[in-house]
Amino acid sequence: MSGILKEFRDFVLRGNVLDLAIAVVIGTAFVALVDSAVTNLLTPFIAAIVGQPSFASINLDIGDATLEIGLFLEAAFNFIAVAAVVFFFIVKPVNIILARRARGEAPADTPIPEDIALLREIRDLLKQRQ
């Protein structure tokens, strides 16, 4: 049984699992921040223009069912806001930095494997004998 526990511990303490856990925690906090910005800033601003205090009150009744279109719209605004912030403040700057690094650095010379170097030496010696 201790072998399974050791294997589980090794799995949990691998770098990928820890990085993923940190990303989930930060991502959750980030989504809460963007959700607050959309709920407290963007939605009231749009509501002031449209005249609706909250999108949550936009419903469509079909028989006994109610389609909560306003809640869907708020979720869509949240998604677009999160995607825009991630793209413009994380992805785009990182791409610019990586492009600058790629332009500034020459490609590294890869070392020739020993067997290839030996074969080339033999080829060159054979050419000299002719």
C-alpha atoms as a PDB file:
ATOM      1  CA  MET A   1       0.000   0.000   0.000  1.00  0.00           C
ATOM      2  CA  SER A   2       2.873   2.399   0.714  1.00  0.00           C
ATOM      3  CA  GLY A   3       4.015   2.035  -2.914  1.00  0.00           C
ATOM      4  CA  ILE A   4       0.693   3.431  -4.120  1.00  0.00           C
ATOM      5  CA  LEU A   5       0.884   6.320  -1.663  1.00  0.00           C
ATOM      6  CA  LYS A   6       4.435   7.128  -2.760  1.00  0.00           C
ATOM      7  CA  GLU A   7       3.371   7.005  -6.397  1.00  0.00           C
ATOM      8  CA  PHE A   8       0.398   9.286  -5.628  1.00  0.00           C
ATOM      9  CA  ARG A   9       2.652  11.708  -3.743  1.00  0.00           C
ATOM     10  CA  ASP A  10       5.097  11.794  -6.659  1.00  0.00           C
ATOM     11  CA  PHE A  11       2.199  12.470  -9.034  1.00  0.00           C
ATOM     12  CA  VAL A  12       0.784  15.311  -6.930  1.00  0.00           C
ATOM     13  CA  LEU A  13       4.173  16.934  -6.379  1.00  0.00           C
ATOM     14  CA  ARG A  14       5.166  16.907 -10.045  1.00  0.00           C
ATOM     15  CA  GLY A  15       5.690  20.356 -11.500  1.00  0.00           C
ATOM     16  CA  ASN A  16       2.776  20.141 -13.922  1.00  0.00           C
ATOM     17  CA  VAL A  17       0.202  19.430 -11.225  1.00  0.00           C
ATOM     18  CA  LEU A  18       1.441  22.262  -9.021  1.00  0.00           C
ATOM     19  CA  ASP A  19       1.546  24.681 -11.950  1.00  0.00           C
ATOM     20  CA  LEU A  20      -1.980  23.691 -12.897  1.00  0.00           C
ATOM     21  CA  ALA A  21      -3.235  24.162  -9.328  1.00  0.00           C
ATOM     22  CA  ILE A  22      -1.674  27.620  -9.156  1.00  0.00           C
ATOM     23  CA  ALA A  23      -3.158  28.522 -12.539  1.00  0.00           C
ATOM     24  CA  VAL A  24      -6.631  27.437 -11.395  1.00  0.00           C
ATOM     25  CA  VAL A  25      -6.427  29.526  -8.211  1.00  0.00           C
ATOM     26  CA  ILE A  26      -5.166  32.614 -10.037  1.00  0.00           C
ATOM     27  CA  GLY A  27      -7.656  32.049 -12.854  1.00  0.00           C
ATOM     28  CA  THR A  28     -10.526  31.850 -10.395  1.00  0.00           C
ATOM     29  CA  ALA A  29      -9.487  35.098  -8.751  1.00  0.00           C
ATOM     30  CA  PHE A  30      -9.036  36.705 -12.159  1.00  0.00           C
ATOM     31  CA  VAL A  31     -12.507  35.629 -13.305  1.00  0.00           C
ATOM     32  CA  ALA A  32     -13.990  37.061 -10.093  1.00  0.00           C
ATOM     33  CA  LEU A  33     -12.233  40.360 -10.804  1.00  0.00           C
ATOM     34  CA  VAL A  34     -13.472  40.532 -14.391  1.00  0.00           C
ATOM     35  CA  ASP A  35     -16.953  39.412 -13.303  1.00  0.00           C
ATOM     36  CA  SER A  36     -17.038  42.281 -10.834  1.00  0.00           C
ATOM     37  CA  ALA A  37     -15.892  44.731 -13.503  1.00  0.00           C
ATOM     38  CA  VAL A  38     -18.591  43.540 -15.890  1.00  0.00           C
ATOM     39  CA  THR A  39     -21.310  43.471 -13.216  1.00  0.00           C
ATOM     40  CA  ASN A  40     -20.423  46.749 -11.512  1.00  0.00           C
ATOM     41  CA  LEU A  41     -19.008  48.829 -14.377  1.00  0.00           C
ATOM     42  CA  LEU A  42     -19.844  47.558 -17.851  1.00  0.00           C
ATOM     43  CA  THR A  43     -23.411  46.343 -17.304  1.00  0.00           C
ATOM     44  CA  PRO A  44     -24.577  49.549 -15.542  1.00  0.00           C
ATOM     45  CA  PHE A  45     -22.933  51.624 -18.279  1.00  0.00           C
ATOM     46  CA  ILE A  46     -24.747  49.673 -21.002  1.00  0.00           C
ATOM     47  CA  ALA A  47     -27.938  49.730 -18.926  1.00  0.00           C
ATOM     48  CA  ALA A  48     -27.727  53.534 -18.704  1.00  0.00           C
ATOM     49  CA  ILE A  49     -27.618  53.703 -22.486  1.00  0.00           C
ATOM     50  CA  VAL A  50     -30.321  51.085 -23.060  1.00  0.00           C
ATOM     51  CA  GLY A  51     -32.427  52.119 -20.058  1.00  0.00           C
ATOM     52  CA  GLN A  52     -32.523  48.681 -18.457  1.00  0.00           C
ATOM     53  CA  PRO A  53     -31.051  48.568 -14.902  1.00  0.00           C
ATOM     54  CA  SER A  54     -30.013  44.936 -15.229  1.00  0.00           C
ATOM     55  CA  PHE A  55     -29.928  42.395 -17.996  1.00  0.00           C
ATOM     56  CA  ALA A  56     -31.168  39.763 -15.528  1.00  0.00           C
ATOM     57  CA  SER A  57     -34.719  41.032 -15.986  1.00  0.00           C
ATOM     58  CA  ILE A  58     -34.726  40.217 -19.723  1.00  0.00           C
ATOM     59  CA  ASN A  59     -36.758  37.020 -19.984  1.00  0.00           C
ATOM     60  CA  LEU A  60     -38.733  35.211 -22.635  1.00  0.00           C
ATOM     61  CA  ASP A  61     -41.724  33.168 -21.477  1.00  0.00           C
ATOM     62  CA  ILE A  62     -42.626  30.175 -23.619  1.00  0.00           C
ATOM     63  CA  GLY A  63     -45.508  28.253 -22.076  1.00  0.00           C
ATOM     64  CA  ASP A  64     -44.436  27.182 -18.610  1.00  0.00           C
ATOM     65  CA  ALA A  65     -40.734  27.727 -19.378  1.00  0.00           C
ATOM     66  CA  THR A  66     -38.797  30.950 -18.933  1.00  0.00           C
ATOM     67  CA  LEU A  67     -35.699  31.623 -20.988  1.00  0.00           C
ATOM     68  CA  GLU A  68     -33.362  33.826 -18.963  1.00  0.00           C
ATOM     69  CA  ILE A  69     -31.823  35.694 -21.878  1.00  0.00           C
ATOM     70  CA  GLY A  70     -30.462  38.479 -19.671  1.00  0.00           C
ATOM     71  CA  LEU A  71     -28.404  36.091 -17.546  1.00  0.00           C
ATOM     72  CA  PHE A  72     -27.008  34.554 -20.709  1.00  0.00           C
ATOM     73  CA  LEU A  73     -26.079  38.019 -22.015  1.00  0.00           C
ATOM     74  CA  GLU A  74     -24.261  38.829 -18.759  1.00  0.00           C
ATOM     75  CA  ALA A  75     -22.367  35.529 -18.962  1.00  0.00           C
ATOM     76  CA  ALA A  76     -21.486  36.270 -22.600  1.00  0.00           C
ATOM     77  CA  PHE A  77     -20.190  39.739 -21.614  1.00  0.00           C
ATOM     78  CA  ASN A  78     -18.118  38.130 -18.842  1.00  0.00           C
ATOM     79  CA  PHE A  79     -16.641  35.628 -21.277  1.00  0.00           C
ATOM     80  CA  ILE A  80     -15.804  38.277 -23.872  1.00  0.00           C
ATOM     81  CA  ALA A  81     -14.276  40.506 -21.190  1.00  0.00           C
ATOM     82  CA  VAL A  82     -12.111  37.690 -19.794  1.00  0.00           C
ATOM     83  CA  ALA A  83     -11.028  36.649 -23.288  1.00  0.00           C
ATOM     84  CA  ALA A  84     -10.185  40.247 -24.239  1.00  0.00           C
ATOM     85  CA  VAL A  85      -8.163  40.872 -21.085  1.00  0.00           C
ATOM     86  CA  VAL A  86      -6.264  37.591 -21.477  1.00  0.00           C
ATOM     87  CA  PHE A  87      -5.545  38.311 -25.143  1.00  0.00           C
ATOM     88  CA  PHE A  88      -4.573  41.976 -24.878  1.00  0.00           C
ATOM     89  CA  PHE A  89      -2.738  41.876 -21.533  1.00  0.00           C
ATOM     90  CA  ILE A  90      -1.169  38.405 -21.565  1.00  0.00           C
ATOM     91  CA  VAL A  91      -1.076  36.712 -24.980  1.00  0.00           C
ATOM     92  CA  LYS A  92      -0.242  39.746 -27.131  1.00  0.00           C
ATOM     93  CA  PRO A  93       2.597  41.064 -24.900  1.00  0.00           C
ATOM     94  CA  VAL A  94       4.110  37.582 -24.557  1.00  0.00           C
ATOM     95  CA  ASN A  95       3.986  37.118 -28.344  1.00  0.00           C
ATOM     96  CA  ILE A  96       5.720  40.477 -28.825  1.00  0.00           C
ATOM     97  CA  ILE A  97       8.428  39.552 -26.310  1.00  0.00           C
ATOM     98  CA  LEU A  98       8.979  36.143 -27.932  1.00  0.00           C
ATOM     99  CA  ALA A  99       9.182  37.726 -31.401  1.00  0.00           C
ATOM    100  CA  ARG A 100      11.777  40.237 -30.163  1.00  0.00           C
ATOM    101  CA  ARG A 101      13.813  37.448 -28.629  1.00  0.00           C
ATOM    102  CA  ALA A 102      13.625  35.408 -31.812  1.00  0.00           C
ATOM    103  CA  ARG A 103      14.865  38.351 -33.918  1.00  0.00           C
ATOM    104  CA  GLY A 104      17.708  39.103 -31.526  1.00  0.00           C
ATOM    105  CA  GLU A 105      19.089  35.615 -31.209  1.00  0.00           C
ATOM    106  CA  ALA A 106      20.793  33.607 -33.896  1.00  0.00           C
ATOM    107  CA  PRO A 107      19.709  29.991 -34.088  1.00  0.00           C
ATOM    108  CA  ALA A 108      21.921  27.837 -31.944  1.00  0.00           C
ATOM    109  CA  ASP A 109      24.263  25.486 -33.769  1.00  0.00           C
ATOM    110  CA  THR A 110      23.241  21.955 -33.024  1.00  0.00           C
ATOM    111  CA  PRO A 111      26.192  19.689 -32.331  1.00  0.00           C
ATOM    112  CA  ILE A 112      26.845  17.038 -34.972  1.00  0.00           C
ATOM    113  CA  PRO A 113      26.419  13.520 -33.611  1.00  0.00           C
ATOM    114  CA  GLU A 114      29.664  11.617 -33.269  1.00  0.00           C
ATOM    115  CA  ASP A 115      28.722   8.896 -35.758  1.00  0.00           C
ATOM    116  CA  ILE A 116      27.853  11.477 -38.442  1.00  0.00           C
ATOM    117  CA  ALA A 117      31.146  13.307 -37.836  1.00  0.00           C
ATOM    118  CA  LEU A 118      33.035  10.012 -38.172  1.00  0.00           C
ATOM    119  CA  LEU A 119      31.234   9.152 -41.414  1.00  0.00           C
ATOM    120  CA  ARG A 120      32.047  12.602 -42.824  1.00  0.00           C
ATOM    121  CA  GLU A 121      35.704  12.150 -41.903  1.00  0.00           C
ATOM    122  CA  ILE A 122      35.787   8.775 -43.652  1.00  0.00           C
ATOM    123  CA  ARG A 123      34.125  10.311 -46.732  1.00  0.00           C
ATOM    124  CA  ASP A 124      36.682  13.118 -46.834  1.00  0.00           C
ATOM    125  CA  LEU A 125      39.581  10.654 -46.524  1.00  0.00           C
ATOM    126  CA  LEU A 126      38.178   8.560 -49.359  1.00  0.00           C
ATOM    127  CA  LYS A 127      37.903  11.660 -51.543  1.00  0.00           C
ATOM    128  CA  GLN A 128      41.554  12.499 -50.850  1.00  0.00           C
ATOM    129  CA  ARG A 129      42.689   9.004 -51.914  1.00  0.00           C
ATOM    130  CA  GLN A 130      41.149   9.383 -55.356  1.00  0.00           C
END
